[in-house]
Amino acid sequence: MTPSLHSPVLTSRLRRPAPGRAAWTSLAALDQAGGLISGDDLALRLRGQVSQPLSLVAQWIVQRKVINLNWRSGYVLPMFQFDPVSMAPRPSLADVLAELSAAYDDWDIVDWFLRPNSLLQDKAPATVLGADGTAVVQAARADRYIASL
């Protein structure tokens, strides 16, 4: 049996694979925000709700409707971006990603979601996304604008 992606053994090996950058150290924050799920596990959880769940997950990834991180020849996806019941991407996520993708890579976007944001009363966007997606979109727009200066 394969260990869960939430296990310390696997998540301790998940590192930002770009040379010259500091090791990604937000794993504890990511765990608190719901952890990670593999693309295959997400498709399994969607089975019964949609006719072709694997194709749907692949479509979300290719169309950049979700954040995904390449890991061990597959993809893992942060759970904070999904509705916990339906496992569908949160409604405002696509708008947030449209703002941030122009200025940040996927690892930077995950870091952005996990860090307290002054525009969100010092709450992490990952914790606000489900309750007030409009505010998260506005914060993303402001941060993209600042990053582009």
Protein backbone atom coordinates (compact mmCIF):
# COMPACT_ATOMS: atom_id res chain seq x y z
CA MET A 1 0.00 0.00 0.00
CA THR A 2 1.30 3.44 -0.93
CA PRO A 3 1.68 5.89 1.97
CA SER A 4 -0.62 8.91 2.02
CA LEU A 5 0.66 12.18 0.61
CA HIS A 6 -0.05 13.60 4.04
CA SER A 7 2.55 11.33 5.63
CA PRO A 8 5.69 13.07 6.94
CA VAL A 9 7.88 10.62 5.02
CA LEU A 10 6.52 11.72 1.63
CA THR A 11 5.87 15.38 2.30
CA SER A 12 9.36 15.84 3.75
CA ARG A 13 10.72 14.98 0.28
CA LEU A 14 8.53 17.50 -1.53
CA ARG A 15 10.81 20.38 -2.39
CA ARG A 16 10.75 23.16 -4.89
CA PRO A 17 12.73 21.68 -7.77
CA ALA A 18 14.14 24.93 -9.18
CA PRO A 19 17.92 25.32 -8.87
CA GLY A 20 19.19 28.38 -7.05
CA ARG A 21 16.06 28.86 -4.97
CA ALA A 22 15.71 28.29 -1.27
CA ALA A 23 14.04 25.03 -0.29
CA TRP A 24 10.30 25.38 0.03
CA THR A 25 9.53 25.40 3.75
CA SER A 26 5.77 25.90 3.85
CA LEU A 27 4.89 22.23 4.26
CA ALA A 28 3.50 22.74 7.77
CA ALA A 29 1.29 25.58 6.52
CA LEU A 30 0.21 23.44 3.56
CA ASP A 31 -0.72 20.60 5.91
CA GLN A 32 -2.80 23.01 8.01
CA ALA A 33 -4.55 24.17 4.84
CA GLY A 34 -5.67 20.63 4.00
CA GLY A 35 -2.54 19.00 2.60
CA LEU A 36 -2.07 17.60 -0.88
CA ILE A 37 -3.90 15.13 -3.05
CA SER A 38 -2.59 13.31 -6.09
CA GLY A 39 -4.32 13.77 -9.43
CA ASP A 40 -5.28 10.09 -9.39
CA ASP A 41 -6.76 10.30 -5.88
CA LEU A 42 -8.71 13.41 -6.84
CA ALA A 43 -10.13 11.57 -9.85
CA LEU A 44 -11.15 8.69 -7.56
CA ARG A 45 -12.96 11.09 -5.23
CA LEU A 46 -14.79 12.62 -8.22
CA ARG A 47 -15.90 9.21 -9.49
CA GLY A 48 -19.66 8.91 -9.17
CA GLN A 49 -20.09 12.67 -9.57
CA VAL A 50 -18.76 13.02 -13.12
CA SER A 51 -18.57 10.57 -16.01
CA GLN A 52 -14.85 10.89 -16.78
CA PRO A 53 -13.10 12.14 -13.64
CA LEU A 54 -9.52 11.55 -14.80
CA SER A 55 -10.15 13.54 -17.98
CA LEU A 56 -11.75 16.31 -15.93
CA VAL A 57 -8.75 16.56 -13.58
CA ALA A 58 -6.38 16.58 -16.57
CA GLN A 59 -8.48 19.32 -18.17
CA TRP A 60 -8.33 21.43 -14.98
CA ILE A 61 -4.54 21.05 -14.94
CA VAL A 62 -3.98 21.81 -18.64
CA GLN A 63 -6.34 24.80 -18.60
CA ARG A 64 -4.66 26.09 -15.39
CA LYS A 65 -7.93 26.06 -13.49
CA VAL A 66 -6.15 24.50 -10.52
CA ILE A 67 -2.71 24.75 -8.96
CA ASN A 68 -0.66 21.63 -9.48
CA LEU A 69 2.86 20.72 -8.54
CA ASN A 70 4.88 18.17 -10.50
CA TRP A 71 6.14 15.50 -8.11
CA ARG A 72 7.45 12.01 -8.74
CA SER A 73 6.30 11.87 -12.36
CA GLY A 74 2.80 12.89 -11.37
CA TYR A 75 0.88 15.81 -10.02
CA VAL A 76 -0.15 16.78 -6.52
CA LEU A 77 -2.72 19.45 -5.87
CA PRO A 78 -3.20 21.54 -2.73
CA MET A 79 -6.55 20.67 -1.14
CA PHE A 80 -7.39 24.24 -0.11
CA GLN A 81 -8.45 25.00 -3.68
CA PHE A 82 -11.28 22.45 -3.68
CA ASP A 83 -14.70 22.44 -2.09
CA PRO A 84 -14.40 19.69 0.54
CA VAL A 85 -17.78 18.14 -0.34
CA SER A 86 -17.93 18.26 -4.15
CA MET A 87 -14.14 18.32 -4.71
CA ALA A 88 -14.75 20.89 -7.46
CA PRO A 89 -12.40 23.88 -7.65
CA ARG A 90 -13.68 26.78 -5.57
CA PRO A 91 -15.63 29.24 -7.75
CA SER A 92 -13.21 32.18 -7.52
CA LEU A 93 -10.05 30.09 -7.92
CA ALA A 94 -9.85 30.54 -11.71
CA ASP A 95 -9.97 34.32 -11.32
CA VAL A 96 -7.24 34.26 -8.66
CA LEU A 97 -5.03 32.07 -10.85
CA ALA A 98 -5.63 34.33 -13.85
CA GLU A 99 -4.28 37.24 -11.80
CA LEU A 100 -1.29 35.45 -10.29
CA SER A 101 -0.13 33.25 -13.17
CA ALA A 102 1.23 36.21 -15.09
CA ALA A 103 3.65 37.08 -12.29
CA TYR A 104 4.29 33.83 -10.37
CA ASP A 105 5.04 30.16 -10.98
CA ASP A 106 2.99 27.41 -9.31
CA TRP A 107 5.29 27.15 -6.29
CA ASP A 108 5.11 30.92 -5.75
CA ILE A 109 1.32 30.79 -6.07
CA VAL A 110 1.10 28.10 -3.39
CA ASP A 111 3.35 30.21 -1.15
CA TRP A 112 1.11 33.23 -1.85
CA PHE A 113 -1.97 31.30 -0.77
CA LEU A 114 -0.30 30.17 2.47
CA ARG A 115 1.14 33.49 3.68
CA PRO A 116 -0.84 36.03 5.68
CA ASN A 117 -2.01 38.85 3.43
CA SER A 118 -2.55 42.37 4.77
CA LEU A 119 -5.40 42.90 2.30
CA LEU A 120 -7.19 39.96 3.93
CA GLN A 121 -6.78 41.16 7.53
CA ASP A 122 -3.53 39.17 7.79
CA LYS A 123 -5.28 35.89 7.01
CA ALA A 124 -3.83 33.47 4.49
CA PRO A 125 -5.73 33.50 1.17
CA ALA A 126 -6.10 29.70 1.43
CA THR A 127 -8.22 30.14 4.56
CA VAL A 128 -10.35 32.93 3.06
CA LEU A 129 -10.91 31.45 -0.42
CA GLY A 130 -14.00 29.42 0.49
CA ALA A 131 -15.68 32.18 2.50
CA ASP A 132 -14.83 35.32 0.50
CA GLY A 133 -13.42 34.51 -2.91
CA THR A 134 -14.01 38.07 -4.15
CA ALA A 135 -11.65 39.46 -1.51
CA VAL A 136 -9.00 36.90 -2.48
CA VAL A 137 -9.32 37.87 -6.16
CA GLN A 138 -8.88 41.54 -5.22
CA ALA A 139 -5.82 40.71 -3.11
CA ALA A 140 -4.35 38.68 -5.98
CA ARG A 141 -4.96 41.54 -8.40
CA ALA A 142 -3.20 44.01 -6.09
CA ASP A 143 -0.24 41.67 -5.53
CA ARG A 144 0.09 40.96 -9.26
CA TYR A 145 0.11 44.67 -9.96
CA ILE A 146 2.83 45.24 -7.35
CA ALA A 147 4.88 42.32 -8.68
CA SER A 148 4.71 43.73 -12.20
CA LEU A 149 6.18 47.11 -11.23
